Structures are given as structure tokens and as C-alpha cells.
Amino acid sequence: MVEHPEIRRLVPGMRVRITQAVGRQAARWSATIEGEVLSCGPEPTGSWHAHGKQNRYWLTRIVLRKTNGELTRQSLDQNSRIEIVEPGGDLPTQPAEARET
């Protein structure tokens, strides 16, 4: 699972822009999506992985509501970039781990 420093600052209600890139031999493809954060954090996949937490393979995922109302779930990796477009609420002053308690 890839750790994103930006993910600790995200709270539901924020508006973010995510750019994801895929490297190719001669070029790089990228796609950008923008929306309101509904949730974010590590989630298990359906894949079994012998050395993963709870024997699962975990991915960092973010769920967004786009302007047209469509819900989308994005898996974040080392090629993903997160930009905060609008705070939408109080920015957290503590890391996500501290807020969960």
C-alpha cells in the first residue's frame, strides 16, 4: 500500500483534484478527476495476499462525488497526485490516526 501524505489532510466535504498517470514506453498517459471527498483511506481488496494485513492486499482508496452527482472510487498509487481545490470544512490539525480514536 502506498502512503500519501496528502490523504491525512483530507476530510469529507473537501473538493479535490486527483491526477493519475500511467507510464508507457514513449509517453505518459494521465487522467484528472475532480470531486467532493466522501471517504478516503486504506481498504482491503478481494485478493488474498499471504503477507498482507489480515491476509488481504490493501489499497489506498478515495471515494468522490463528481459535480454531476456520479460517485467514483479511485485507487491511489505512487503516480497519483492529490490537490485540494476547496477545503469545504475545517482542515484537520491532527493526523488521521489520531482522529480515529
C-alpha atoms as a PDB file:
ATOM      1  CA  MET A   1       0.000   0.000   0.000  1.00  0.00           C
ATOM      2  CA  VAL A   2       1.332   3.418  -0.962  1.00  0.00           C
ATOM      3  CA  GLU A   3       1.224   6.145   1.703  1.00  0.00           C
ATOM      4  CA  HIS A   4       0.152   9.584   0.507  1.00  0.00           C
ATOM      5  CA  PRO A   5       0.973  12.451   2.885  1.00  0.00           C
ATOM      6  CA  GLU A   6      -1.958  14.436   1.450  1.00  0.00           C
ATOM      7  CA  ILE A   7      -4.510  11.774   2.427  1.00  0.00           C
ATOM      8  CA  ARG A   8      -4.072  12.582   6.118  1.00  0.00           C
ATOM      9  CA  ARG A   9      -5.353  16.105   5.491  1.00  0.00           C
ATOM     10  CA  LEU A  10      -8.497  15.030   3.631  1.00  0.00           C
ATOM     11  CA  VAL A  11     -11.889  15.157   5.305  1.00  0.00           C
ATOM     12  CA  PRO A  12     -15.357  14.560   3.880  1.00  0.00           C
ATOM     13  CA  GLY A  13     -16.725  17.658   2.169  1.00  0.00           C
ATOM     14  CA  MET A  14     -13.415  18.831   0.710  1.00  0.00           C
ATOM     15  CA  ARG A  15     -13.166  19.311  -3.028  1.00  0.00           C
ATOM     16  CA  VAL A  16     -10.064  17.692  -4.538  1.00  0.00           C
ATOM     17  CA  ARG A  17      -8.465  17.118  -7.915  1.00  0.00           C
ATOM     18  CA  ILE A  18      -6.696  13.795  -8.476  1.00  0.00           C
ATOM     19  CA  THR A  19      -4.315  13.278 -11.372  1.00  0.00           C
ATOM     20  CA  GLN A  20      -3.240   9.728 -12.098  1.00  0.00           C
ATOM     21  CA  ALA A  21      -0.544   8.789 -14.588  1.00  0.00           C
ATOM     22  CA  VAL A  22       0.456   5.602 -16.348  1.00  0.00           C
ATOM     23  CA  GLY A  23       3.954   5.336 -17.753  1.00  0.00           C
ATOM     24  CA  ARG A  24       4.433   3.902 -21.214  1.00  0.00           C
ATOM     25  CA  GLN A  25       7.472   3.325 -23.407  1.00  0.00           C
ATOM     26  CA  ALA A  26       7.377   6.603 -25.323  1.00  0.00           C
ATOM     27  CA  ALA A  27       4.810   8.686 -23.469  1.00  0.00           C
ATOM     28  CA  ARG A  28       2.864   9.072 -20.273  1.00  0.00           C
ATOM     29  CA  TRP A  29      -0.937   8.921 -20.110  1.00  0.00           C
ATOM     30  CA  SER A  30      -2.676  10.928 -17.426  1.00  0.00           C
ATOM     31  CA  ALA A  31      -6.254  11.449 -16.325  1.00  0.00           C
ATOM     32  CA  THR A  32      -7.668  14.024 -13.923  1.00  0.00           C
ATOM     33  CA  ILE A  33     -10.840  13.775 -11.872  1.00  0.00           C
ATOM     34  CA  GLU A  34     -12.332  16.333  -9.514  1.00  0.00           C
ATOM     35  CA  GLY A  35     -14.988  15.940  -6.847  1.00  0.00           C
ATOM     36  CA  GLU A  36     -16.099  16.134  -3.234  1.00  0.00           C
ATOM     37  CA  VAL A  37     -14.436  13.702  -0.824  1.00  0.00           C
ATOM     38  CA  LEU A  38     -16.875  11.217   0.689  1.00  0.00           C
ATOM     39  CA  SER A  39     -14.268   8.917   2.245  1.00  0.00           C
ATOM     40  CA  CYS A  40     -10.608   8.028   1.970  1.00  0.00           C
ATOM     41  CA  GLY A  41      -8.194   5.550   3.456  1.00  0.00           C
ATOM     42  CA  PRO A  42      -6.894   2.002   3.189  1.00  0.00           C
ATOM     43  CA  GLU A  43      -9.371  -0.664   2.077  1.00  0.00           C
ATOM     44  CA  PRO A  44      -8.857  -4.379   1.514  1.00  0.00           C
ATOM     45  CA  THR A  45      -9.302  -5.862  -1.923  1.00  0.00           C
ATOM     46  CA  GLY A  46     -10.928  -9.196  -2.617  1.00  0.00           C
ATOM     47  CA  SER A  47      -7.482 -10.559  -3.413  1.00  0.00           C
ATOM     48  CA  TRP A  48      -5.758 -12.827  -0.950  1.00  0.00           C
ATOM     49  CA  HIS A  49      -2.177 -11.963  -0.106  1.00  0.00           C
ATOM     50  CA  ALA A  50      -0.203 -14.168   2.262  1.00  0.00           C
ATOM     51  CA  HIS A  51       1.821 -11.372   3.836  1.00  0.00           C
ATOM     52  CA  GLY A  52      -0.804  -8.635   3.931  1.00  0.00           C
ATOM     53  CA  LYS A  53      -2.679  -7.275   6.910  1.00  0.00           C
ATOM     54  CA  GLN A  54      -5.449  -9.757   7.764  1.00  0.00           C
ATOM     55  CA  ASN A  55      -4.219 -11.834   4.790  1.00  0.00           C
ATOM     56  CA  ARG A  56      -5.579  -9.279   2.326  1.00  0.00           C
ATOM     57  CA  TYR A  57      -3.992  -6.936  -0.175  1.00  0.00           C
ATOM     58  CA  TRP A  58      -4.754  -3.335   0.878  1.00  0.00           C
ATOM     59  CA  LEU A  59      -5.039  -0.284  -1.375  1.00  0.00           C
ATOM     60  CA  THR A  60      -5.357   3.405  -0.570  1.00  0.00           C
ATOM     61  CA  ARG A  61      -8.724   4.446  -1.985  1.00  0.00           C
ATOM     62  CA  ILE A  62     -10.735   7.629  -2.185  1.00  0.00           C
ATOM     63  CA  VAL A  63     -14.467   7.949  -2.920  1.00  0.00           C
ATOM     64  CA  LEU A  64     -15.561  11.167  -4.670  1.00  0.00           C
ATOM     65  CA  ARG A  65     -18.866  12.697  -5.738  1.00  0.00           C
ATOM     66  CA  LYS A  66     -18.347  14.461  -9.050  1.00  0.00           C
ATOM     67  CA  THR A  67     -20.204  17.676  -9.927  1.00  0.00           C
ATOM     68  CA  ASN A  68     -22.767  15.721 -11.978  1.00  0.00           C
ATOM     69  CA  GLY A  69     -23.566  13.529  -8.940  1.00  0.00           C
ATOM     70  CA  GLU A  70     -21.671  10.455 -10.155  1.00  0.00           C
ATOM     71  CA  LEU A  71     -19.823   8.530  -7.435  1.00  0.00           C
ATOM     72  CA  THR A  72     -16.353   7.246  -8.233  1.00  0.00           C
ATOM     73  CA  ARG A  73     -13.816   5.196  -6.274  1.00  0.00           C
ATOM     74  CA  GLN A  74     -10.166   5.729  -7.167  1.00  0.00           C
ATOM     75  CA  SER A  75      -7.230   3.573  -6.095  1.00  0.00           C
ATOM     76  CA  LEU A  76      -4.207   5.734  -5.388  1.00  0.00           C
ATOM     77  CA  ASP A  77      -0.655   4.694  -6.217  1.00  0.00           C
ATOM     78  CA  GLN A  78       2.793   6.267  -6.437  1.00  0.00           C
ATOM     79  CA  ASN A  79       1.798   8.020  -9.684  1.00  0.00           C
ATOM     80  CA  SER A  80      -1.261   9.745  -8.167  1.00  0.00           C
ATOM     81  CA  ARG A  81      -1.237  13.426  -7.252  1.00  0.00           C
ATOM     82  CA  ILE A  82      -3.858  14.968  -4.933  1.00  0.00           C
ATOM     83  CA  GLU A  83      -4.622  18.702  -4.931  1.00  0.00           C
ATOM     84  CA  ILE A  84      -7.059  20.347  -2.520  1.00  0.00           C
ATOM     85  CA  VAL A  85      -9.307  22.643  -4.569  1.00  0.00           C
ATOM     86  CA  GLU A  86     -11.648  23.811  -1.770  1.00  0.00           C
ATOM     87  CA  PRO A  87     -11.288  22.999   1.924  1.00  0.00           C
ATOM     88  CA  GLY A  88     -15.062  22.548   2.315  1.00  0.00           C
ATOM     89  CA  GLY A  89     -14.767  22.189   6.075  1.00  0.00           C
ATOM     90  CA  ASP A  90     -12.302  22.501   8.906  1.00  0.00           C
ATOM     91  CA  LEU A  91      -8.855  21.265   7.945  1.00  0.00           C
ATOM     92  CA  PRO A  92      -7.757  18.621  10.442  1.00  0.00           C
ATOM     93  CA  THR A  93      -4.974  19.631  12.779  1.00  0.00           C
ATOM     94  CA  GLN A  94      -4.087  16.022  13.654  1.00  0.00           C
ATOM     95  CA  PRO A  95      -3.055  13.062  11.503  1.00  0.00           C
ATOM     96  CA  ALA A  96      -5.845  10.661  10.518  1.00  0.00           C
ATOM     97  CA  GLU A  97      -4.650   8.016  13.009  1.00  0.00           C
ATOM     98  CA  ALA A  98      -5.209  10.394  15.924  1.00  0.00           C
ATOM     99  CA  ARG A  99      -8.674  11.430  14.694  1.00  0.00           C
ATOM    100  CA  GLU A 100      -9.913   7.807  14.592  1.00  0.00           C
ATOM    101  CA  THR A 101      -9.694   7.324  18.353  1.00  0.00           C
END
